[in-house]
Amino acid sequence: MLAYILAVTVAGLLKAPYERYSPALLGLAGWGSILACAAASAILTLLAWRRDRLAFEPYPAYPPRPGPAAAGRPEGGAR
């Protein structure tokens, strides 16, 4: 059912031009960009990883922040 609705919608969009733009411009800029994105996504999906993705090493953690005692104030003292 959804495939039928998609096919009917695409057929309607192909028959009726958008505003007063020429069909050549719509084909190149509109449908051409959709096809280019689909082709790029297919090609990029098939490319191999440059590195082993399972050997990922995260950045080291930030060092601990100094507490109030390390800043020269007694623990629990007034600020």
Protein backbone atom coordinates (compact mmCIF):
# COMPACT_ATOMS: atom_id res chain seq x y z
CA MET A 1 0.00 0.00 0.00
CA LEU A 2 2.77 2.45 0.90
CA ALA A 3 4.69 1.58 -2.26
CA TYR A 4 1.58 2.31 -4.33
CA ILE A 5 1.08 5.68 -2.64
CA LEU A 6 4.75 6.53 -3.17
CA ALA A 7 4.56 5.54 -6.86
CA VAL A 8 1.39 7.60 -7.43
CA THR A 9 2.89 10.61 -5.67
CA VAL A 10 6.13 10.44 -7.65
CA ALA A 11 4.20 10.05 -10.91
CA GLY A 12 2.10 13.10 -10.05
CA LEU A 13 5.20 15.13 -9.23
CA LEU A 14 6.81 14.15 -12.52
CA LYS A 15 3.73 15.16 -14.56
CA ALA A 16 2.98 18.55 -12.96
CA PRO A 17 5.90 20.99 -13.00
CA TYR A 18 6.64 23.00 -9.87
CA GLU A 19 5.59 26.64 -10.28
CA ARG A 20 6.88 27.85 -13.66
CA TYR A 21 10.25 26.14 -13.62
CA SER A 22 11.28 24.26 -16.72
CA PRO A 23 11.19 20.46 -16.58
CA ALA A 24 14.91 20.37 -17.43
CA LEU A 25 15.77 22.47 -14.38
CA LEU A 26 13.53 20.35 -12.16
CA GLY A 27 15.11 17.18 -13.49
CA LEU A 28 18.64 18.41 -12.97
CA ALA A 29 18.37 20.34 -9.71
CA GLY A 30 15.53 18.47 -8.03
CA TRP A 31 15.53 14.84 -9.05
CA GLY A 32 19.23 14.91 -9.93
CA SER A 33 20.15 15.92 -6.39
CA ILE A 34 17.95 13.15 -4.98
CA LEU A 35 19.62 10.58 -7.23
CA ALA A 36 23.07 11.96 -6.40
CA CYS A 37 22.38 11.62 -2.65
CA ALA A 38 21.12 8.06 -3.12
CA ALA A 39 24.19 7.14 -5.19
CA ALA A 40 26.57 8.77 -2.70
CA SER A 41 24.95 6.94 0.21
CA ALA A 42 25.25 3.61 -1.61
CA ILE A 43 28.91 4.22 -2.50
CA LEU A 44 29.88 5.46 0.98
CA THR A 45 28.17 2.46 2.54
CA LEU A 46 30.29 0.07 0.49
CA LEU A 47 33.63 1.76 1.22
CA ALA A 48 35.95 -0.03 3.63
CA TRP A 49 36.95 1.50 6.95
CA ARG A 50 40.37 3.13 6.99
CA ARG A 51 41.19 1.68 10.40
CA ASP A 52 40.03 -1.27 12.41
CA ARG A 53 36.85 0.04 14.01
CA LEU A 54 37.06 -2.49 16.84
CA ALA A 55 40.48 -1.18 17.95
CA PHE A 56 39.04 2.21 18.91
CA GLU A 57 40.89 3.97 21.73
CA PRO A 58 38.97 6.80 23.42
CA TYR A 59 40.70 9.96 24.57
CA PRO A 60 42.03 9.79 28.13
CA ALA A 61 39.68 11.03 30.82
CA TYR A 62 40.02 14.52 32.19
CA PRO A 63 42.12 14.75 35.37
CA PRO A 64 40.09 15.10 38.56
CA ARG A 65 39.14 18.65 39.47
CA PRO A 66 40.70 19.96 42.66
CA GLY A 67 38.33 20.14 45.59
CA PRO A 68 37.98 22.96 48.14
CA ALA A 69 40.93 21.68 50.23
CA ALA A 70 43.24 21.74 47.22
CA ALA A 71 42.25 25.35 46.49
CA GLY A 72 43.55 26.57 49.88
CA ARG A 73 40.27 26.45 51.77
CA PRO A 74 39.60 24.06 54.63
CA GLU A 75 37.17 21.27 53.89
CA GLY A 76 33.63 22.54 54.50
CA GLY A 77 34.78 26.09 55.25
CA ALA A 78 33.00 29.29 54.31
CA ARG A 79 33.63 30.79 50.92
